[in-house]
Amino acid sequence: MPFCHDRNPARRNYAADALRCLDRDPLFHGRTNTLQIEHADDGITLTGTLPTYYLKQMLQKVLRPLRINIDNHVHVVSANGVSAIDRD
């Protein structure tokens, strides 16, 4: 059932694997333009924005089969201006 899985755990291009995983998932296919995925030593760091907390949670669920550390710093910003981003 998963659209991605850990095919070769020795490979260390986690960001590319995560992007490929998201592109194969129906919820995120073609919708990764507001996300940034950065490679980290033991996994990836996610930043950017999504319109709902549901999608933020699903983001991690979709990437879970990669079996890597996911540091999720994605902010939820809805179309009507409600935001989880801190304002300084």
Protein backbone atom coordinates (compact mmCIF):
# COMPACT_ATOMS: atom_id res chain seq x y z
CA MET A 1 0.00 0.00 0.00
CA PRO A 2 2.71 2.61 0.72
CA PHE A 3 3.78 4.73 -2.21
CA CYS A 4 7.35 4.72 -0.94
CA HIS A 5 9.53 2.47 1.11
CA ASP A 6 13.12 2.12 2.19
CA ARG A 7 14.59 0.33 -0.84
CA ASN A 8 18.23 0.87 0.01
CA PRO A 9 18.96 2.06 3.55
CA ALA A 10 22.64 2.61 2.68
CA ARG A 11 21.71 5.35 0.21
CA ARG A 12 21.97 8.75 1.88
CA ASN A 13 19.98 11.07 -0.42
CA TYR A 14 17.09 11.45 2.03
CA ALA A 15 15.73 14.71 0.58
CA ALA A 16 15.42 13.27 -2.93
CA ASP A 17 13.80 10.11 -1.57
CA ALA A 18 11.29 12.18 0.42
CA LEU A 19 10.41 14.35 -2.58
CA ARG A 20 9.92 11.26 -4.75
CA CYS A 21 7.72 9.76 -2.03
CA LEU A 22 5.53 12.86 -1.83
CA ASP A 23 5.23 13.11 -5.60
CA ARG A 24 3.84 9.55 -5.71
CA ASP A 25 1.23 10.21 -3.02
CA PRO A 26 -2.22 11.44 -4.13
CA LEU A 27 -2.41 14.06 -1.35
CA PHE A 28 0.90 15.69 -2.24
CA HIS A 29 1.40 14.97 -5.96
CA GLY A 30 2.03 18.34 -7.61
CA ARG A 31 1.61 20.18 -4.29
CA THR A 32 5.14 20.28 -2.93
CA ASN A 33 5.87 23.82 -4.17
CA THR A 34 5.25 25.28 -0.67
CA LEU A 35 7.57 22.77 1.02
CA GLN A 36 11.33 22.65 1.39
CA ILE A 37 13.09 19.39 2.18
CA GLU A 38 16.65 19.58 3.41
CA HIS A 39 19.02 16.67 3.93
CA ALA A 40 20.27 16.16 7.49
CA ASP A 41 22.80 13.68 8.86
CA ASP A 42 20.16 11.27 10.11
CA GLY A 43 17.13 12.26 8.03
CA ILE A 44 15.41 15.38 6.72
CA THR A 45 14.17 18.78 7.87
CA LEU A 46 10.83 19.93 6.49
CA THR A 47 9.94 23.63 6.25
CA GLY A 48 7.34 25.63 4.37
CA THR A 49 3.58 25.94 4.65
CA LEU A 50 0.48 23.79 4.28
CA PRO A 51 -3.19 24.85 4.54
CA THR A 52 -4.29 22.34 7.24
CA TYR A 53 -2.98 20.47 10.27
CA TYR A 54 -4.32 17.30 8.65
CA LEU A 55 -1.88 17.71 5.74
CA LYS A 56 0.97 18.46 8.15
CA GLN A 57 0.26 15.17 9.94
CA MET A 58 -0.18 13.27 6.68
CA LEU A 59 3.16 14.63 5.50
CA GLN A 60 4.92 12.70 8.25
CA LYS A 61 2.76 9.62 7.75
CA VAL A 62 3.54 9.49 4.02
CA LEU A 63 7.28 9.74 4.74
CA ARG A 64 7.31 7.24 7.63
CA PRO A 65 8.13 4.21 5.40
CA LEU A 66 11.52 5.81 4.61
CA ARG A 67 12.53 5.04 8.22
CA ILE A 68 14.46 8.26 8.69
CA ASN A 69 14.34 11.07 11.25
CA ILE A 70 11.83 13.75 10.19
CA ASP A 71 12.18 17.19 11.74
CA ASN A 72 8.88 18.83 10.78
CA HIS A 73 8.94 22.65 10.92
CA VAL A 74 6.08 23.11 8.44
CA HIS A 75 3.67 25.93 9.37
CA VAL A 76 -0.07 25.74 8.89
CA VAL A 77 -1.42 28.79 7.08
CA SER A 78 -5.04 28.74 5.94
CA ALA A 79 -6.46 30.69 3.03
CA ASN A 80 -8.49 32.93 5.37
CA GLY A 81 -5.43 34.24 7.19
CA VAL A 82 -5.33 32.00 10.27
CA SER A 83 -1.71 31.05 10.85
CA ALA A 84 0.51 29.07 13.20
CA ILE A 85 3.51 31.24 12.28
CA ASP A 86 4.81 33.37 15.16
CA ARG A 87 4.77 37.06 14.43
CA ASP A 88 7.61 39.12 15.91
